[in-house]
Amino acid sequence: MTVVHPSKQFTGQDSYPTRLPDEERIIERQDPVIWSKWSKDAPITFEEARHYEEKGYLFRRDIFTAQEVRKLIDASAAIRADASDIRSEDLVTEPGTNAVRTVFRLDDHSKTFARLARDARLADIARFLLGDEVYLHQSRLNYKPGFAGKEFYWHSDFETWHAEDGMPRMRAVSASVLLTDNSELNGPLMLIPGSHRKFIACSGETPEDNHKSSLKKQEIGVPSTQLLEKMAEQAGLDSATGPAGTVIFFECNTMHASNGNVTPFPRSNAFFVYNAVSNAVTTPFAAPKPRPDFLANRGPVKALKVVKGNFA
């Protein structure tokens, strides 16, 4: 099990250069995967910690009550039914339509989801994995409506957060809370096991305001199809399926994607990106300027106040 290495703090040197002018490169991971030493007091089992260390993700099921899951589903539906009070910059629509694709700053737009972000059942696991107090780097609600939900292409979140937000180290984790049943058919999260152990330095410079197009269809900061094919041949693919209320924690450098949804069954998930307070974003490493605040919390870093107990 990897333990905390206090010396591996950001020193100003770019350990993960990307958006290269020539061709993509593979760089060995230079950070721990789990920044805490496991003990019996840890919020996850030893087997779960080992799975996260090896695969780059772990699943948690049945951690919320049926009443809590219902409250989350209702809160999600309410946001989608009436988005009139949501800032326009926080809304992303599906390509070619006005259907809501993503709502950013989710914790700003819903007291229920703000409470969920601080819930110990999520935040304590993030604090353990990152070996530090945490804050929300980003929060969002992703909708993938039946028949029309578009795909999210293969990418490592860290590559984007490093290049365009200025996140120094691989010391962040996403918690995806399923708000509908996610099956193999309706476009669930797909992951390449073990892909978090290599950093794919992508080719191609970052255009000005790249986020305006990448939020609808990401084309910069993605690996080549040849490399993706090789990674999948070596490690296979896994899918994050389960009933509403399931939580998937996935490491910031884990390669992931999701297919489009042409089934009649919609898919929606809430995402909370927990970053270590010691890993606050700086100047972007490979972009002309930082992305807007709704994509990356650039304000004063304050540790989340974690709350225990049910919220419904």
C-alpha atoms as a PDB file:
ATOM      1  CA  MET A   1       0.000   0.000   0.000  1.00  0.00           C
ATOM      2  CA  THR A   2       1.374   3.438  -0.933  1.00  0.00           C
ATOM      3  CA  VAL A   3       1.728   5.834   1.995  1.00  0.00           C
ATOM      4  CA  VAL A   4       1.919   9.592   2.244  1.00  0.00           C
ATOM      5  CA  HIS A   5       5.124  11.184   1.003  1.00  0.00           C
ATOM      6  CA  PRO A   6       5.161  14.705   2.481  1.00  0.00           C
ATOM      7  CA  SER A   7       8.171  15.567   0.332  1.00  0.00           C
ATOM      8  CA  LYS A   8       6.098  15.106  -2.814  1.00  0.00           C
ATOM      9  CA  GLN A   9       4.527  18.542  -2.624  1.00  0.00           C
ATOM     10  CA  PHE A  10       4.397  20.887  -5.595  1.00  0.00           C
ATOM     11  CA  THR A  11       7.801  22.540  -6.041  1.00  0.00           C
ATOM     12  CA  GLY A  12       7.071  24.628  -9.120  1.00  0.00           C
ATOM     13  CA  GLN A  13       8.429  22.113 -11.637  1.00  0.00           C
ATOM     14  CA  ASP A  14       6.038  20.573 -14.150  1.00  0.00           C
ATOM     15  CA  SER A  15       6.154  16.816 -13.586  1.00  0.00           C
ATOM     16  CA  TYR A  16       3.509  16.124 -16.223  1.00  0.00           C
ATOM     17  CA  PRO A  17       4.155  18.209 -19.368  1.00  0.00           C
ATOM     18  CA  THR A  18       1.334  17.838 -21.896  1.00  0.00           C
ATOM     19  CA  ARG A  19      -0.281  19.429 -24.967  1.00  0.00           C
ATOM     20  CA  LEU A  20       3.005  18.775 -26.748  1.00  0.00           C
ATOM     21  CA  PRO A  21       3.897  20.243 -30.155  1.00  0.00           C
ATOM     22  CA  ASP A  22       5.026  16.929 -31.655  1.00  0.00           C
ATOM     23  CA  GLU A  23       3.527  13.614 -30.494  1.00  0.00           C
ATOM     24  CA  GLU A  24       1.941  12.124 -27.396  1.00  0.00           C
ATOM     25  CA  ARG A  25       4.151  10.526 -24.752  1.00  0.00           C
ATOM     26  CA  ILE A  26       3.703   8.156 -21.842  1.00  0.00           C
ATOM     27  CA  ILE A  27       5.076   9.372 -18.508  1.00  0.00           C
ATOM     28  CA  GLU A  28       5.364   7.216 -15.393  1.00  0.00           C
ATOM     29  CA  ARG A  29       3.169   8.353 -12.538  1.00  0.00           C
ATOM     30  CA  GLN A  30       5.216  10.288  -9.976  1.00  0.00           C
ATOM     31  CA  ASP A  31       2.632  10.532  -7.188  1.00  0.00           C
ATOM     32  CA  PRO A  32       1.120   8.046  -4.748  1.00  0.00           C
ATOM     33  CA  VAL A  33      -2.261   6.590  -5.626  1.00  0.00           C
ATOM     34  CA  ILE A  34      -3.400   6.468  -2.001  1.00  0.00           C
ATOM     35  CA  TRP A  35      -1.820   9.118   0.201  1.00  0.00           C
ATOM     36  CA  SER A  36      -2.734   7.522   3.542  1.00  0.00           C
ATOM     37  CA  LYS A  37      -1.639   4.317   5.201  1.00  0.00           C
ATOM     38  CA  TRP A  38      -4.519   1.897   5.611  1.00  0.00           C
ATOM     39  CA  SER A  39      -5.609   0.925   9.126  1.00  0.00           C
ATOM     40  CA  LYS A  40      -8.681  -0.660  10.659  1.00  0.00           C
ATOM     41  CA  ASP A  41     -10.039   2.851  11.275  1.00  0.00           C
ATOM     42  CA  ALA A  42      -9.996   3.684   7.546  1.00  0.00           C
ATOM     43  CA  PRO A  43     -13.381   4.456   5.925  1.00  0.00           C
ATOM     44  CA  ILE A  44     -12.815   1.704   3.336  1.00  0.00           C
ATOM     45  CA  THR A  45     -11.805  -1.921   3.695  1.00  0.00           C
ATOM     46  CA  PHE A  46      -8.323  -3.189   2.908  1.00  0.00           C
ATOM     47  CA  GLU A  47      -9.737  -4.991  -0.139  1.00  0.00           C
ATOM     48  CA  GLU A  48     -11.347  -1.765  -1.378  1.00  0.00           C
ATOM     49  CA  ALA A  49      -8.091   0.130  -0.864  1.00  0.00           C
ATOM     50  CA  ARG A  50      -6.145  -2.507  -2.755  1.00  0.00           C
ATOM     51  CA  HIS A  51      -8.664  -2.435  -5.621  1.00  0.00           C
ATOM     52  CA  TYR A  52      -8.418   1.368  -5.839  1.00  0.00           C
ATOM     53  CA  GLU A  53      -4.624   1.176  -5.752  1.00  0.00           C
ATOM     54  CA  GLU A  54      -4.500  -1.399  -8.554  1.00  0.00           C
ATOM     55  CA  LYS A  55      -7.468  -0.408 -10.725  1.00  0.00           C
ATOM     56  CA  GLY A  56      -7.864   3.332 -10.075  1.00  0.00           C
ATOM     57  CA  TYR A  57     -11.477   3.215  -8.858  1.00  0.00           C
ATOM     58  CA  LEU A  58     -13.830   1.574  -6.379  1.00  0.00           C
ATOM     59  CA  PHE A  59     -17.595   1.105  -6.112  1.00  0.00           C
ATOM     60  CA  ARG A  60     -19.720   1.729  -3.015  1.00  0.00           C
ATOM     61  CA  ARG A  61     -23.298   0.445  -2.890  1.00  0.00           C
ATOM     62  CA  ASP A  62     -26.094   0.683  -0.340  1.00  0.00           C
ATOM     63  CA  ILE A  63     -24.521   3.547   1.608  1.00  0.00           C
ATOM     64  CA  PHE A  64     -27.610   5.766   1.344  1.00  0.00           C
ATOM     65  CA  THR A  65     -31.105   5.008   2.566  1.00  0.00           C
ATOM     66  CA  ALA A  66     -33.978   4.640   0.118  1.00  0.00           C
ATOM     67  CA  GLN A  67     -35.341   7.980   1.378  1.00  0.00           C
ATOM     68  CA  GLU A  68     -32.013   9.708   0.706  1.00  0.00           C
ATOM     69  CA  VAL A  69     -31.802   8.300  -2.804  1.00  0.00           C
ATOM     70  CA  ARG A  70     -35.352   9.467  -3.499  1.00  0.00           C
ATOM     71  CA  LYS A  71     -34.491  12.952  -2.256  1.00  0.00           C
ATOM     72  CA  LEU A  72     -31.466  13.121  -4.569  1.00  0.00           C
ATOM     73  CA  ILE A  73     -33.497  11.936  -7.562  1.00  0.00           C
ATOM     74  CA  ASP A  74     -36.198  14.511  -6.861  1.00  0.00           C
ATOM     75  CA  ALA A  75     -33.616  17.300  -6.477  1.00  0.00           C
ATOM     76  CA  SER A  76     -32.028  16.326  -9.795  1.00  0.00           C
ATOM     77  CA  ALA A  77     -35.400  16.291 -11.562  1.00  0.00           C
ATOM     78  CA  ALA A  78     -36.297  19.703 -10.136  1.00  0.00           C
ATOM     79  CA  ILE A  79     -33.093  21.266 -11.488  1.00  0.00           C
ATOM     80  CA  ARG A  80     -33.688  19.861 -14.947  1.00  0.00           C
ATOM     81  CA  ALA A  81     -37.373  20.803 -14.979  1.00  0.00           C
ATOM     82  CA  ASP A  82     -36.632  24.460 -14.271  1.00  0.00           C
ATOM     83  CA  ALA A  83     -33.145  25.773 -14.970  1.00  0.00           C
ATOM     84  CA  SER A  84     -34.281  29.401 -15.237  1.00  0.00           C
ATOM     85  CA  ASP A  85     -32.474  30.446 -12.064  1.00  0.00           C
ATOM     86  CA  ILE A  86     -29.178  28.829 -13.045  1.00  0.00           C
ATOM     87  CA  ARG A  87     -26.443  31.074 -14.413  1.00  0.00           C
ATOM     88  CA  SER A  88     -26.063  30.598 -18.154  1.00  0.00           C
ATOM     89  CA  GLU A  89     -22.344  29.850 -17.835  1.00  0.00           C
ATOM     90  CA  ASP A  90     -23.153  26.918 -15.531  1.00  0.00           C
ATOM     91  CA  LEU A  91     -25.339  25.253 -18.173  1.00  0.00           C
ATOM     92  CA  VAL A  92     -24.081  23.129 -21.051  1.00  0.00           C
ATOM     93  CA  THR A  93     -26.570  21.814 -23.617  1.00  0.00           C
ATOM     94  CA  GLU A  94     -26.343  18.822 -25.932  1.00  0.00           C
ATOM     95  CA  PRO A  95     -24.709  19.524 -29.311  1.00  0.00           C
ATOM     96  CA  GLY A  96     -27.360  20.752 -31.738  1.00  0.00           C
ATOM     97  CA  THR A  97     -30.163  20.962 -29.149  1.00  0.00           C
ATOM     98  CA  ASN A  98     -31.193  22.899 -26.055  1.00  0.00           C
ATOM     99  CA  ALA A  99     -31.387  19.755 -23.897  1.00  0.00           C
ATOM    100  CA  VAL A 100     -29.433  20.160 -20.670  1.00  0.00           C
ATOM    101  CA  ARG A 101     -26.188  18.147 -20.763  1.00  0.00           C
ATOM    102  CA  THR A 102     -24.398  19.411 -17.639  1.00  0.00           C
ATOM    103  CA  VAL A 103     -25.079  21.760 -14.719  1.00  0.00           C
ATOM    104  CA  PHE A 104     -21.883  23.038 -13.087  1.00  0.00           C
ATOM    105  CA  ARG A 105     -21.460  24.410  -9.559  1.00  0.00           C
ATOM    106  CA  LEU A 106     -24.083  21.920  -8.474  1.00  0.00           C
ATOM    107  CA  ASP A 107     -23.515  22.664  -4.799  1.00  0.00           C
ATOM    108  CA  ASP A 108     -24.447  26.307  -5.490  1.00  0.00           C
ATOM    109  CA  HIS A 109     -27.760  25.398  -7.100  1.00  0.00           C
ATOM    110  CA  SER A 110     -29.119  22.858  -4.648  1.00  0.00           C
ATOM    111  CA  LYS A 111     -29.072  22.654  -0.854  1.00  0.00           C
ATOM    112  CA  THR A 112     -29.574  18.901  -1.143  1.00  0.00           C
ATOM    113  CA  PHE A 113     -26.485  18.424  -3.284  1.00  0.00           C
ATOM    114  CA  ALA A 114     -24.477  20.889  -1.205  1.00  0.00           C
ATOM    115  CA  ARG A 115     -25.246  18.675   1.797  1.00  0.00           C
ATOM    116  CA  LEU A 116     -24.330  15.557  -0.191  1.00  0.00           C
ATOM    117  CA  ALA A 117     -20.931  17.031  -1.104  1.00  0.00           C
ATOM    118  CA  ARG A 118     -20.098  17.412   2.599  1.00  0.00           C
ATOM    119  CA  ASP A 119     -21.456  14.020   3.602  1.00  0.00           C
ATOM    120  CA  ALA A 120     -18.947  11.940   5.537  1.00  0.00           C
ATOM    121  CA  ARG A 121     -19.777   8.878   3.447  1.00  0.00           C
ATOM    122  CA  LEU A 122     -18.162  10.667   0.504  1.00  0.00           C
ATOM    123  CA  ALA A 123     -15.793  13.218   1.985  1.00  0.00           C
ATOM    124  CA  ASP A 124     -14.175  10.913   4.556  1.00  0.00           C
ATOM    125  CA  ILE A 125     -13.213   8.488   1.801  1.00  0.00           C
ATOM    126  CA  ALA A 126     -11.792  11.363  -0.241  1.00  0.00           C
ATOM    127  CA  ARG A 127      -9.806  12.598   2.768  1.00  0.00           C
ATOM    128  CA  PHE A 128      -8.392   9.121   3.307  1.00  0.00           C
ATOM    129  CA  LEU A 129      -7.458   8.582  -0.331  1.00  0.00           C
ATOM    130  CA  LEU A 130      -5.806  12.007  -0.587  1.00  0.00           C
ATOM    131  CA  GLY A 131      -4.233  12.097   2.870  1.00  0.00           C
ATOM    132  CA  ASP A 132      -5.372  15.660   3.478  1.00  0.00           C
ATOM    133  CA  GLU A 133      -8.359  17.876   4.098  1.00  0.00           C
ATOM    134  CA  VAL A 134     -10.320  18.418   0.903  1.00  0.00           C
ATOM    135  CA  TYR A 135     -12.260  21.082  -0.960  1.00  0.00           C
ATOM    136  CA  LEU A 136     -14.463  20.949  -4.052  1.00  0.00           C
ATOM    137  CA  HIS A 137     -12.470  21.618  -7.191  1.00  0.00           C
ATOM    138  CA  GLN A 138     -15.601  21.144  -9.279  1.00  0.00           C
ATOM    139  CA  SER A 139     -19.163  19.860  -8.947  1.00  0.00           C
ATOM    140  CA  ARG A 140     -21.605  19.059 -11.701  1.00  0.00           C
ATOM    141  CA  LEU A 141     -24.754  17.205 -12.657  1.00  0.00           C
ATOM    142  CA  ASN A 142     -24.525  15.214 -15.894  1.00  0.00           C
ATOM    143  CA  TYR A 143     -27.692  14.292 -17.752  1.00  0.00           C
ATOM    144  CA  LYS A 144     -27.820  11.795 -20.578  1.00  0.00           C
ATOM    145  CA  PRO A 145     -31.439  11.764 -21.763  1.00  0.00           C
ATOM    146  CA  GLY A 146     -32.993   8.767 -23.438  1.00  0.00           C
ATOM    147  CA  PHE A 147     -32.554   8.584 -27.241  1.00  0.00           C
ATOM    148  CA  ALA A 148     -30.453  11.776 -27.415  1.00  0.00           C
ATOM    149  CA  GLY A 149     -27.686  11.635 -24.798  1.00  0.00           C
ATOM    150  CA  LYS A 150     -24.299  12.129 -26.450  1.00  0.00           C
ATOM    151  CA  GLU A 151     -21.058  10.406 -25.565  1.00  0.00           C
ATOM    152  CA  PHE A 152     -18.167  11.678 -23.438  1.00  0.00           C
ATOM    153  CA  TYR A 153     -14.920  10.729 -25.162  1.00  0.00           C
ATOM    154  CA  TRP A 154     -11.926   8.996 -23.549  1.00  0.00           C
ATOM    155  CA  HIS A 155      -9.816  11.249 -21.360  1.00  0.00           C
ATOM    156  CA  SER A 156      -7.984  11.618 -18.073  1.00  0.00           C
ATOM    157  CA  ASP A 157      -9.477  14.372 -15.941  1.00  0.00           C
ATOM    158  CA  PHE A 158      -6.079  15.187 -14.495  1.00  0.00           C
ATOM    159  CA  GLU A 159      -4.668  15.922 -17.941  1.00  0.00           C
ATOM    160  CA  THR A 160      -7.267  18.667 -18.398  1.00  0.00           C
ATOM    161  CA  TRP A 161      -7.109  19.935 -14.817  1.00  0.00           C
ATOM    162  CA  HIS A 162      -3.312  20.080 -15.007  1.00  0.00           C
ATOM    163  CA  ALA A 163      -3.115  21.665 -18.456  1.00  0.00           C
ATOM    164  CA  GLU A 164      -6.009  24.121 -18.244  1.00  0.00           C
ATOM    165  CA  ASP A 165      -6.650  24.655 -14.499  1.00  0.00           C
ATOM    166  CA  GLY A 166      -3.130  24.379 -13.080  1.00  0.00           C
ATOM    167  CA  MET A 167      -3.635  21.400 -10.738  1.00  0.00           C
ATOM    168  CA  PRO A 168      -0.065  20.469  -9.778  1.00  0.00           C
ATOM    169  CA  ARG A 169      -0.206  16.853  -8.584  1.00  0.00           C
ATOM    170  CA  MET A 170      -2.354  13.744  -8.971  1.00  0.00           C
ATOM    171  CA  ARG A 171      -4.010  14.304  -5.617  1.00  0.00           C
ATOM    172  CA  ALA A 172      -7.707  14.529  -6.474  1.00  0.00           C
ATOM    173  CA  VAL A 173     -10.583  12.069  -6.709  1.00  0.00           C
ATOM    174  CA  SER A 174     -14.050  12.173  -8.272  1.00  0.00           C
ATOM    175  CA  ALA A 175     -17.119  10.755  -6.579  1.00  0.00           C
ATOM    176  CA  SER A 176     -19.893   9.926  -9.039  1.00  0.00           C
ATOM    177  CA  VAL A 177     -23.296   9.385  -7.422  1.00  0.00           C
ATOM    178  CA  LEU A 178     -25.722   7.542  -9.691  1.00  0.00           C
ATOM    179  CA  LEU A 179     -29.135   9.236  -9.761  1.00  0.00           C
ATOM    180  CA  THR A 180     -30.702   6.734 -12.144  1.00  0.00           C
ATOM    181  CA  ASP A 181     -30.052   3.069 -12.662  1.00  0.00           C
ATOM    182  CA  ASN A 182     -26.918   2.788 -14.815  1.00  0.00           C
ATOM    183  CA  SER A 183     -26.851  -0.349 -16.956  1.00  0.00           C
ATOM    184  CA  GLU A 184     -24.511  -1.596 -19.650  1.00  0.00           C
ATOM    185  CA  LEU A 185     -26.990  -0.151 -22.164  1.00  0.00           C
ATOM    186  CA  ASN A 186     -27.696   3.497 -21.258  1.00  0.00           C
ATOM    187  CA  GLY A 187     -24.235   4.988 -21.457  1.00  0.00           C
ATOM    188  CA  PRO A 188     -22.572   4.243 -18.098  1.00  0.00           C
ATOM    189  CA  LEU A 189     -19.121   5.400 -17.083  1.00  0.00           C
ATOM    190  CA  MET A 190     -16.443   3.175 -18.651  1.00  0.00           C
ATOM    191  CA  LEU A 191     -12.923   2.906 -17.263  1.00  0.00           C
ATOM    192  CA  ILE A 192      -9.599   1.368 -18.275  1.00  0.00           C
ATOM    193  CA  PRO A 193      -8.333  -0.524 -15.214  1.00  0.00           C
ATOM    194  CA  GLY A 194      -4.846   0.487 -14.108  1.00  0.00           C
ATOM    195  CA  SER A 195      -4.638   3.399 -16.546  1.00  0.00           C
ATOM    196  CA  HIS A 196      -4.038   5.799 -13.632  1.00  0.00           C
ATOM    197  CA  ARG A 197      -0.463   4.518 -13.328  1.00  0.00           C
ATOM    198  CA  LYS A 198       0.638   6.168 -16.590  1.00  0.00           C
ATOM    199  CA  PHE A 199       0.214   9.803 -17.591  1.00  0.00           C
ATOM    200  CA  ILE A 200      -0.636  10.284 -21.245  1.00  0.00           C
ATOM    201  CA  ALA A 201       0.931  13.544 -22.368  1.00  0.00           C
ATOM    202  CA  CYS A 202      -1.272  14.548 -25.286  1.00  0.00           C
ATOM    203  CA  SER A 203      -0.224  16.327 -28.450  1.00  0.00           C
ATOM    204  CA  GLY A 204      -1.598  19.605 -29.763  1.00  0.00           C
ATOM    205  CA  GLU A 205      -1.604  23.071 -28.238  1.00  0.00           C
ATOM    206  CA  THR A 206      -4.586  24.279 -26.218  1.00  0.00           C
ATOM    207  CA  PRO A 207      -6.716  26.741 -28.223  1.00  0.00           C
ATOM    208  CA  GLU A 208      -7.990  29.946 -26.677  1.00  0.00           C
ATOM    209  CA  ASP A 209     -11.168  29.274 -24.665  1.00  0.00           C
ATOM    210  CA  ASN A 210     -10.932  25.576 -25.428  1.00  0.00           C
ATOM    211  CA  HIS A 211     -13.572  24.812 -22.776  1.00  0.00           C
ATOM    212  CA  LYS A 212     -16.317  26.366 -24.914  1.00  0.00           C
ATOM    213  CA  SER A 213     -16.105  23.479 -27.371  1.00  0.00           C
ATOM    214  CA  SER A 214     -14.597  20.740 -25.201  1.00  0.00           C
ATOM    215  CA  LEU A 215     -17.576  20.697 -22.822  1.00  0.00           C
ATOM    216  CA  LYS A 216     -19.742  19.592 -25.747  1.00  0.00           C
ATOM    217  CA  LYS A 217     -17.150  17.473 -27.531  1.00  0.00           C
ATOM    218  CA  GLN A 218     -13.585  17.021 -26.298  1.00  0.00           C
ATOM    219  CA  GLU A 219     -10.972  16.889 -29.043  1.00  0.00           C
ATOM    220  CA  ILE A 220      -7.883  18.413 -27.364  1.00  0.00           C
ATOM    221  CA  GLY A 221      -6.254  16.556 -24.474  1.00  0.00           C
ATOM    222  CA  VAL A 222      -7.347  13.093 -25.578  1.00  0.00           C
ATOM    223  CA  PRO A 223      -5.139  10.092 -26.398  1.00  0.00           C
ATOM    224  CA  SER A 224      -4.799   8.727 -29.919  1.00  0.00           C
ATOM    225  CA  THR A 225      -7.031   5.870 -30.967  1.00  0.00           C
ATOM    226  CA  GLN A 226      -3.922   3.714 -31.441  1.00  0.00           C
ATOM    227  CA  LEU A 227      -2.842   4.217 -27.835  1.00  0.00           C
ATOM    228  CA  LEU A 228      -6.373   3.686 -26.498  1.00  0.00           C
ATOM    229  CA  GLU A 229      -6.600   0.441 -28.457  1.00  0.00           C
ATOM    230  CA  LYS A 230      -3.318  -0.743 -26.965  1.00  0.00           C
ATOM    231  CA  MET A 231      -4.389   0.181 -23.426  1.00  0.00           C
ATOM    232  CA  ALA A 232      -7.708  -1.640 -23.803  1.00  0.00           C
ATOM    233  CA  GLU A 233      -6.020  -4.731 -25.252  1.00  0.00           C
ATOM    234  CA  GLN A 234      -3.670  -4.887 -22.280  1.00  0.00           C
ATOM    235  CA  ALA A 235      -6.099  -4.085 -19.441  1.00  0.00           C
ATOM    236  CA  GLY A 236      -9.608  -4.490 -20.821  1.00  0.00           C
ATOM    237  CA  LEU A 237     -12.532  -2.193 -20.088  1.00  0.00           C
ATOM    238  CA  ASP A 238     -14.800  -1.970 -17.063  1.00  0.00           C
ATOM    239  CA  SER A 239     -18.176  -0.285 -16.682  1.00  0.00           C
ATOM    240  CA  ALA A 240     -19.613   1.444 -13.620  1.00  0.00           C
ATOM    241  CA  THR A 241     -23.105   0.031 -13.412  1.00  0.00           C
ATOM    242  CA  GLY A 242     -25.543  -0.173 -10.535  1.00  0.00           C
ATOM    243  CA  PRO A 243     -28.815   1.091  -9.142  1.00  0.00           C
ATOM    244  CA  ALA A 244     -29.456   4.713  -8.220  1.00  0.00           C
ATOM    245  CA  GLY A 245     -27.511   5.568  -5.081  1.00  0.00           C
ATOM    246  CA  THR A 246     -24.366   3.695  -6.132  1.00  0.00           C
ATOM    247  CA  VAL A 247     -21.151   5.740  -5.750  1.00  0.00           C
ATOM    248  CA  ILE A 248     -18.031   5.356  -7.897  1.00  0.00           C
ATOM    249  CA  PHE A 249     -14.791   6.882  -6.636  1.00  0.00           C
ATOM    250  CA  PHE A 250     -12.274   7.172  -9.455  1.00  0.00           C
ATOM    251  CA  GLU A 251      -8.727   8.488  -9.337  1.00  0.00           C
ATOM    252  CA  CYS A 252      -8.101  11.722 -11.210  1.00  0.00           C
ATOM    253  CA  ASN A 253      -5.798  10.116 -13.788  1.00  0.00           C
ATOM    254  CA  THR A 254      -7.965   7.088 -14.586  1.00  0.00           C
ATOM    255  CA  MET A 255      -8.839   6.981 -18.288  1.00  0.00           C
ATOM    256  CA  HIS A 256     -12.621   7.001 -18.707  1.00  0.00           C
ATOM    257  CA  ALA A 257     -15.453   7.716 -21.137  1.00  0.00           C
ATOM    258  CA  SER A 258     -19.120   6.936 -21.730  1.00  0.00           C
ATOM    259  CA  ASN A 259     -21.153   5.941 -24.776  1.00  0.00           C
ATOM    260  CA  GLY A 260     -24.136   7.812 -26.125  1.00  0.00           C
ATOM    261  CA  ASN A 261     -27.564   6.813 -24.873  1.00  0.00           C
ATOM    262  CA  VAL A 262     -30.052   5.743 -27.525  1.00  0.00           C
ATOM    263  CA  THR A 263     -32.159   3.688 -25.125  1.00  0.00           C
ATOM    264  CA  PRO A 264     -35.468   5.020 -23.750  1.00  0.00           C
ATOM    265  CA  PHE A 265     -33.891   5.062 -20.281  1.00  0.00           C
ATOM    266  CA  PRO A 266     -32.231   8.344 -19.181  1.00  0.00           C
ATOM    267  CA  ARG A 267     -29.020   8.391 -17.204  1.00  0.00           C
ATOM    268  CA  SER A 268     -27.985  11.092 -14.734  1.00  0.00           C
ATOM    269  CA  ASN A 269     -25.131  11.281 -12.249  1.00  0.00           C
ATOM    270  CA  ALA A 270     -23.832  13.866  -9.793  1.00  0.00           C
ATOM    271  CA  PHE A 271     -20.068  14.417  -9.700  1.00  0.00           C
ATOM    272  CA  PHE A 272     -18.013  15.912  -6.896  1.00  0.00           C
ATOM    273  CA  VAL A 273     -14.303  16.458  -7.492  1.00  0.00           C
ATOM    274  CA  TYR A 274     -12.410  16.473  -4.212  1.00  0.00           C
ATOM    275  CA  ASN A 275      -8.948  18.028  -4.294  1.00  0.00           C
ATOM    276  CA  ALA A 276      -6.416  18.088  -1.458  1.00  0.00           C
ATOM    277  CA  VAL A 277      -6.119  21.551   0.087  1.00  0.00           C
ATOM    278  CA  SER A 278      -2.338  21.254  -0.368  1.00  0.00           C
ATOM    279  CA  ASN A 279      -2.897  20.713  -4.102  1.00  0.00           C
ATOM    280  CA  ALA A 280      -4.746  23.943  -4.886  1.00  0.00           C
ATOM    281  CA  VAL A 281      -4.613  25.053  -8.507  1.00  0.00           C
ATOM    282  CA  THR A 282      -1.968  27.478  -9.734  1.00  0.00           C
ATOM    283  CA  THR A 283      -1.190  28.893 -13.188  1.00  0.00           C
ATOM    284  CA  PRO A 284      -2.264  26.542 -16.005  1.00  0.00           C
ATOM    285  CA  PHE A 285       0.578  24.355 -17.225  1.00  0.00           C
ATOM    286  CA  ALA A 286      -0.491  24.215 -20.884  1.00  0.00           C
ATOM    287  CA  ALA A 287      -3.151  26.819 -21.635  1.00  0.00           C
ATOM    288  CA  PRO A 288      -3.133  30.563 -22.381  1.00  0.00           C
ATOM    289  CA  LYS A 289      -5.264  31.336 -19.307  1.00  0.00           C
ATOM    290  CA  PRO A 290      -7.207  29.521 -16.581  1.00  0.00           C
ATOM    291  CA  ARG A 291     -10.646  28.125 -17.287  1.00  0.00           C
ATOM    292  CA  PRO A 292     -13.555  30.024 -15.671  1.00  0.00           C
ATOM    293  CA  ASP A 293     -14.380  29.554 -11.988  1.00  0.00           C
ATOM    294  CA  PHE A 294     -17.430  27.401 -12.684  1.00  0.00           C
ATOM    295  CA  LEU A 295     -15.052  24.719 -14.006  1.00  0.00           C
ATOM    296  CA  ALA A 296     -12.309  25.077 -11.418  1.00  0.00           C
ATOM    297  CA  ASN A 297     -12.632  26.576  -7.970  1.00  0.00           C
ATOM    298  CA  ARG A 298      -9.942  29.259  -7.925  1.00  0.00           C
ATOM    299  CA  GLY A 299     -11.141  31.088  -4.825  1.00  0.00           C
ATOM    300  CA  PRO A 300      -9.554  30.851  -1.377  1.00  0.00           C
ATOM    301  CA  VAL A 301      -9.188  27.189  -0.483  1.00  0.00           C
ATOM    302  CA  LYS A 302     -11.261  26.205   2.542  1.00  0.00           C
ATOM    303  CA  ALA A 303     -11.526  22.656   3.785  1.00  0.00           C
ATOM    304  CA  LEU A 304     -15.020  21.202   3.568  1.00  0.00           C
ATOM    305  CA  LYS A 305     -16.902  20.950   6.828  1.00  0.00           C
ATOM    306  CA  VAL A 306     -17.809  17.266   6.808  1.00  0.00           C
ATOM    307  CA  VAL A 307     -21.232  16.280   8.116  1.00  0.00           C
ATOM    308  CA  LYS A 308     -22.294  12.885   9.466  1.00  0.00           C
ATOM    309  CA  GLY A 309     -25.746  11.352   9.548  1.00  0.00           C
ATOM    310  CA  ASN A 310     -28.611  10.893   7.109  1.00  0.00           C
ATOM    311  CA  PHE A 311     -29.989  13.888   5.208  1.00  0.00           C
ATOM    312  CA  ALA A 312     -33.517  12.568   4.588  1.00  0.00           C
END
